[in-house]
Amino acid sequence: MKSSTRLLIAELVLAAAGVLTVAASASAAEVILVPSAPPPLRAEVMPAPRTGYVWDRGHWRWDHGQYVWAPGHWQRVRVGYHWVSGHWAPRGPNWVWVPGHWR
């Protein structure tokens, strides 16, 4: 059996179990597929602005089979870029985490 076929079968087995985590290489980000939508975002009071920083709002993260709240935090500004907060996005019947990033 080809290596790619074995990998596909393993991914399908994990997907059937409800959660799929895939890392293409040691330097690649994980892809986390979750079978249910995250809870609504919590109301979070943004602290007073800080020079040289942008606020990254809190979000739900997937941890050991459940959603866990991760509070907001400051990100150091990168001149010429705009911060895009991480968010959950639907992917077929599942949900995938899109990490925060600079654009």
N, C-alpha and C. Protein backbone atom coordinates (compact mmCIF):
# COMPACT_ATOMS: atom_id res chain seq x y z
N MET A 1 0.85 -1.17 0.00
CA MET A 1 0.00 0.00 0.00
C MET A 1 0.89 1.23 0.00
N LYS A 2 0.59 2.20 -0.85
CA LYS A 2 1.39 3.42 -0.93
C LYS A 2 1.27 4.23 0.35
N SER A 3 2.33 4.98 0.64
CA SER A 3 2.36 5.81 1.85
C SER A 3 1.22 6.82 1.86
N SER A 4 0.93 7.43 0.70
CA SER A 4 -0.14 8.43 0.64
C SER A 4 -1.50 7.80 0.89
N THR A 5 -1.70 6.55 0.47
CA THR A 5 -2.96 5.86 0.71
C THR A 5 -3.11 5.55 2.19
N ARG A 6 -2.01 5.12 2.83
CA ARG A 6 -2.06 4.85 4.27
C ARG A 6 -2.37 6.12 5.05
N LEU A 7 -1.77 7.24 4.64
CA LEU A 7 -2.02 8.51 5.31
C LEU A 7 -3.49 8.91 5.17
N LEU A 8 -4.05 8.75 3.98
CA LEU A 8 -5.46 9.08 3.75
C LEU A 8 -6.37 8.21 4.61
N ILE A 9 -6.09 6.93 4.70
CA ILE A 9 -6.89 6.03 5.53
C ILE A 9 -6.80 6.45 6.99
N ALA A 10 -5.60 6.79 7.45
CA ALA A 10 -5.43 7.23 8.84
C ALA A 10 -6.21 8.51 9.10
N GLU A 11 -6.18 9.45 8.15
CA GLU A 11 -6.92 10.70 8.30
C GLU A 11 -8.42 10.44 8.36
N LEU A 12 -8.92 9.52 7.54
CA LEU A 12 -10.35 9.20 7.54
C LEU A 12 -10.77 8.56 8.86
N VAL A 13 -9.91 7.70 9.41
CA VAL A 13 -10.22 7.08 10.70
C VAL A 13 -10.28 8.14 11.79
N LEU A 14 -9.31 9.06 11.80
CA LEU A 14 -9.33 10.14 12.79
C LEU A 14 -10.53 11.06 12.60
N ALA A 15 -10.86 11.36 11.35
CA ALA A 15 -12.03 12.22 11.08
C ALA A 15 -13.30 11.55 11.57
N ALA A 16 -13.41 10.24 11.40
CA ALA A 16 -14.58 9.51 11.87
C ALA A 16 -14.67 9.55 13.39
N ALA A 17 -13.53 9.67 14.06
CA ALA A 17 -13.51 9.75 15.52
C ALA A 17 -13.96 11.12 16.01
N GLY A 18 -14.03 12.10 15.11
CA GLY A 18 -14.57 13.40 15.49
C GLY A 18 -13.60 14.56 15.43
N VAL A 19 -12.32 14.30 15.51
CA VAL A 19 -11.34 15.38 15.48
C VAL A 19 -10.17 14.94 14.62
N LEU A 20 -9.69 15.86 13.80
CA LEU A 20 -8.56 15.57 12.95
C LEU A 20 -7.50 16.64 13.14
N THR A 21 -6.29 16.23 13.51
CA THR A 21 -5.17 17.14 13.64
C THR A 21 -4.09 16.66 12.68
N VAL A 22 -3.65 17.56 11.81
CA VAL A 22 -2.65 17.19 10.81
C VAL A 22 -1.52 18.20 10.85
N ALA A 23 -0.29 17.74 10.85
CA ALA A 23 0.87 18.61 10.73
C ALA A 23 1.68 18.11 9.54
N ALA A 24 1.84 18.94 8.52
CA ALA A 24 2.55 18.53 7.31
C ALA A 24 4.05 18.40 7.55
N SER A 25 4.60 19.24 8.41
CA SER A 25 6.01 19.15 8.77
C SER A 25 6.21 19.77 10.14
N ALA A 26 7.42 19.66 10.65
CA ALA A 26 7.70 20.20 11.98
C ALA A 26 7.49 21.71 12.03
N SER A 27 7.71 22.41 10.92
CA SER A 27 7.57 23.86 10.91
C SER A 27 6.17 24.31 10.51
N ALA A 28 5.33 23.40 10.02
CA ALA A 28 3.98 23.77 9.58
C ALA A 28 3.03 23.86 10.77
N ALA A 29 2.02 24.70 10.63
CA ALA A 29 1.01 24.83 11.68
C ALA A 29 0.06 23.64 11.63
N GLU A 30 -0.48 23.29 12.79
CA GLU A 30 -1.46 22.21 12.85
C GLU A 30 -2.77 22.67 12.24
N VAL A 31 -3.50 21.74 11.66
CA VAL A 31 -4.85 22.00 11.20
C VAL A 31 -5.76 21.21 12.13
N ILE A 32 -6.65 21.92 12.83
CA ILE A 32 -7.53 21.27 13.79
C ILE A 32 -8.96 21.35 13.29
N LEU A 33 -9.56 20.20 13.04
CA LEU A 33 -10.96 20.11 12.63
C LEU A 33 -11.77 19.63 13.82
N VAL A 34 -12.84 20.34 14.15
CA VAL A 34 -13.67 20.03 15.30
C VAL A 34 -15.09 19.78 14.82
N PRO A 35 -15.79 18.80 15.38
CA PRO A 35 -17.11 18.44 14.87
C PRO A 35 -18.26 19.37 15.27
N SER A 36 -18.02 20.33 16.18
CA SER A 36 -19.11 21.21 16.61
C SER A 36 -18.64 22.67 16.63
N ALA A 37 -19.60 23.57 16.44
CA ALA A 37 -19.29 25.00 16.44
C ALA A 37 -18.83 25.43 17.83
N PRO A 38 -17.95 26.44 17.89
CA PRO A 38 -17.54 26.95 19.20
C PRO A 38 -18.68 27.70 19.87
N PRO A 39 -18.62 27.83 21.20
CA PRO A 39 -19.63 28.63 21.90
C PRO A 39 -19.50 30.10 21.46
N PRO A 40 -20.50 30.93 21.77
CA PRO A 40 -20.39 32.36 21.45
C PRO A 40 -19.18 32.96 22.18
N LEU A 41 -18.58 33.99 21.57
CA LEU A 41 -17.45 34.67 22.21
C LEU A 41 -17.90 35.27 23.53
N ARG A 42 -17.02 35.29 24.48
CA ARG A 42 -17.31 35.91 25.78
C ARG A 42 -17.14 37.42 25.66
N ALA A 43 -17.91 38.16 26.47
CA ALA A 43 -17.72 39.61 26.55
C ALA A 43 -16.39 39.84 27.27
N GLU A 44 -15.54 40.61 26.66
CA GLU A 44 -14.22 40.84 27.23
C GLU A 44 -13.92 42.33 27.16
N VAL A 45 -13.53 42.93 28.26
CA VAL A 45 -13.21 44.35 28.29
C VAL A 45 -11.79 44.53 27.77
N MET A 46 -11.68 45.31 26.69
CA MET A 46 -10.36 45.58 26.13
C MET A 46 -9.65 46.61 27.00
N PRO A 47 -8.42 46.36 27.41
CA PRO A 47 -7.68 47.33 28.21
C PRO A 47 -7.43 48.62 27.42
N ALA A 48 -7.01 49.65 28.12
CA ALA A 48 -6.66 50.92 27.47
C ALA A 48 -5.55 50.66 26.45
N PRO A 49 -5.57 51.40 25.33
CA PRO A 49 -4.55 51.21 24.28
C PRO A 49 -3.13 51.33 24.83
N ARG A 50 -2.23 50.56 24.23
CA ARG A 50 -0.81 50.62 24.57
C ARG A 50 -0.04 50.98 23.32
N THR A 51 0.81 51.94 23.40
CA THR A 51 1.63 52.34 22.25
C THR A 51 2.51 51.18 21.82
N GLY A 52 2.48 50.88 20.53
CA GLY A 52 3.32 49.81 19.98
C GLY A 52 2.71 48.43 20.06
N TYR A 53 1.43 48.33 20.50
CA TYR A 53 0.78 47.04 20.64
C TYR A 53 -0.64 47.10 20.09
N VAL A 54 -1.15 45.94 19.69
CA VAL A 54 -2.54 45.80 19.25
C VAL A 54 -3.17 44.68 20.09
N TRP A 55 -4.44 44.84 20.44
CA TRP A 55 -5.13 43.87 21.27
C TRP A 55 -5.59 42.69 20.43
N ASP A 56 -5.26 41.49 20.84
CA ASP A 56 -5.73 40.25 20.21
C ASP A 56 -6.81 39.69 21.12
N ARG A 57 -8.06 39.77 20.69
CA ARG A 57 -9.19 39.39 21.55
C ARG A 57 -9.14 37.91 21.95
N GLY A 58 -9.84 37.60 23.02
CA GLY A 58 -9.91 36.22 23.48
C GLY A 58 -10.67 35.35 22.49
N HIS A 59 -10.48 34.04 22.62
CA HIS A 59 -11.14 33.10 21.71
C HIS A 59 -11.27 31.73 22.38
N TRP A 60 -12.08 30.89 21.80
CA TRP A 60 -12.19 29.50 22.26
C TRP A 60 -11.13 28.68 21.55
N ARG A 61 -10.37 27.89 22.31
CA ARG A 61 -9.40 26.97 21.72
C ARG A 61 -9.87 25.55 22.00
N TRP A 62 -9.43 24.61 21.18
CA TRP A 62 -9.80 23.21 21.33
C TRP A 62 -8.73 22.53 22.14
N ASP A 63 -9.12 21.90 23.26
CA ASP A 63 -8.15 21.27 24.15
C ASP A 63 -8.73 19.98 24.71
N HIS A 64 -8.13 18.86 24.35
CA HIS A 64 -8.54 17.54 24.84
C HIS A 64 -10.05 17.29 24.71
N GLY A 65 -10.58 17.56 23.54
CA GLY A 65 -11.97 17.22 23.25
C GLY A 65 -13.01 18.22 23.71
N GLN A 66 -12.57 19.43 24.09
CA GLN A 66 -13.56 20.44 24.49
C GLN A 66 -13.02 21.84 24.21
N TYR A 67 -13.94 22.79 24.12
CA TYR A 67 -13.55 24.19 23.95
C TYR A 67 -13.16 24.77 25.31
N VAL A 68 -12.05 25.52 25.33
CA VAL A 68 -11.55 26.17 26.54
C VAL A 68 -11.28 27.63 26.17
N TRP A 69 -11.69 28.56 27.03
CA TRP A 69 -11.51 29.98 26.75
C TRP A 69 -10.05 30.39 26.93
N ALA A 70 -9.52 31.11 25.92
CA ALA A 70 -8.18 31.70 25.99
C ALA A 70 -8.35 33.21 26.02
N PRO A 71 -7.99 33.88 27.10
CA PRO A 71 -8.21 35.33 27.21
C PRO A 71 -7.37 36.11 26.20
N GLY A 72 -7.83 37.34 25.92
CA GLY A 72 -7.11 38.20 24.99
C GLY A 72 -5.73 38.58 25.53
N HIS A 73 -4.90 39.08 24.63
CA HIS A 73 -3.54 39.50 25.02
C HIS A 73 -3.03 40.52 24.00
N TRP A 74 -1.94 41.14 24.33
CA TRP A 74 -1.34 42.15 23.45
C TRP A 74 -0.38 41.50 22.45
N GLN A 75 -0.38 42.03 21.22
CA GLN A 75 0.57 41.63 20.18
C GLN A 75 1.40 42.87 19.84
N ARG A 76 2.70 42.70 19.76
CA ARG A 76 3.56 43.83 19.38
C ARG A 76 3.26 44.19 17.91
N VAL A 77 3.10 45.48 17.65
CA VAL A 77 2.77 45.97 16.30
C VAL A 77 3.92 45.69 15.34
N ARG A 78 3.56 45.31 14.12
CA ARG A 78 4.53 45.19 13.03
C ARG A 78 4.20 46.30 12.04
N VAL A 79 5.11 47.23 11.90
CA VAL A 79 4.88 48.40 11.04
C VAL A 79 4.57 47.96 9.62
N GLY A 80 3.49 48.54 9.06
CA GLY A 80 3.10 48.22 7.69
C GLY A 80 2.15 47.03 7.59
N TYR A 81 1.77 46.41 8.73
CA TYR A 81 0.90 45.25 8.73
C TYR A 81 -0.35 45.51 9.58
N HIS A 82 -1.36 44.72 9.35
CA HIS A 82 -2.62 44.79 10.11
C HIS A 82 -2.84 43.43 10.77
N TRP A 83 -3.17 43.41 12.07
CA TRP A 83 -3.40 42.16 12.79
C TRP A 83 -4.79 41.61 12.48
N VAL A 84 -4.86 40.35 12.10
CA VAL A 84 -6.13 39.65 11.88
C VAL A 84 -6.24 38.60 12.99
N SER A 85 -7.25 38.76 13.86
CA SER A 85 -7.41 37.84 14.98
C SER A 85 -7.75 36.44 14.51
N GLY A 86 -7.31 35.44 15.27
CA GLY A 86 -7.67 34.07 14.98
C GLY A 86 -9.18 33.88 15.11
N HIS A 87 -9.70 32.91 14.38
CA HIS A 87 -11.14 32.67 14.42
C HIS A 87 -11.46 31.25 13.93
N TRP A 88 -12.64 30.77 14.31
CA TRP A 88 -13.13 29.48 13.85
C TRP A 88 -13.92 29.68 12.57
N ALA A 89 -13.72 28.81 11.59
CA ALA A 89 -14.44 28.91 10.32
C ALA A 89 -15.05 27.54 9.99
N PRO A 90 -16.26 27.54 9.43
CA PRO A 90 -16.86 26.26 9.05
C PRO A 90 -16.11 25.63 7.88
N ARG A 91 -15.95 24.33 7.93
CA ARG A 91 -15.34 23.58 6.83
C ARG A 91 -16.14 22.30 6.69
N GLY A 92 -17.08 22.31 5.74
CA GLY A 92 -18.00 21.18 5.60
C GLY A 92 -18.80 21.05 6.87
N PRO A 93 -18.93 19.85 7.41
CA PRO A 93 -19.71 19.68 8.64
C PRO A 93 -18.90 20.02 9.91
N ASN A 94 -17.62 20.34 9.76
CA ASN A 94 -16.73 20.58 10.89
C ASN A 94 -16.35 22.05 11.00
N TRP A 95 -15.51 22.37 11.96
CA TRP A 95 -14.99 23.71 12.16
C TRP A 95 -13.47 23.65 12.21
N VAL A 96 -12.80 24.65 11.64
CA VAL A 96 -11.34 24.69 11.60
C VAL A 96 -10.87 26.00 12.23
N TRP A 97 -9.77 25.92 13.00
CA TRP A 97 -9.19 27.11 13.61
C TRP A 97 -8.26 27.79 12.61
N VAL A 98 -8.47 29.09 12.37
CA VAL A 98 -7.61 29.91 11.52
C VAL A 98 -6.81 30.79 12.48
N PRO A 99 -5.51 30.53 12.64
CA PRO A 99 -4.70 31.28 13.61
C PRO A 99 -4.63 32.77 13.27
N GLY A 100 -4.44 33.60 14.31
CA GLY A 100 -4.22 35.02 14.10
C GLY A 100 -2.94 35.22 13.30
N HIS A 101 -2.92 36.29 12.50
CA HIS A 101 -1.74 36.53 11.66
C HIS A 101 -1.67 38.00 11.25
N TRP A 102 -0.51 38.41 10.80
CA TRP A 102 -0.30 39.75 10.28
C TRP A 102 -0.52 39.74 8.79
N ARG A 103 -1.27 40.73 8.31
CA ARG A 103 -1.54 40.83 6.87
C ARG A 103 -1.02 42.16 6.37
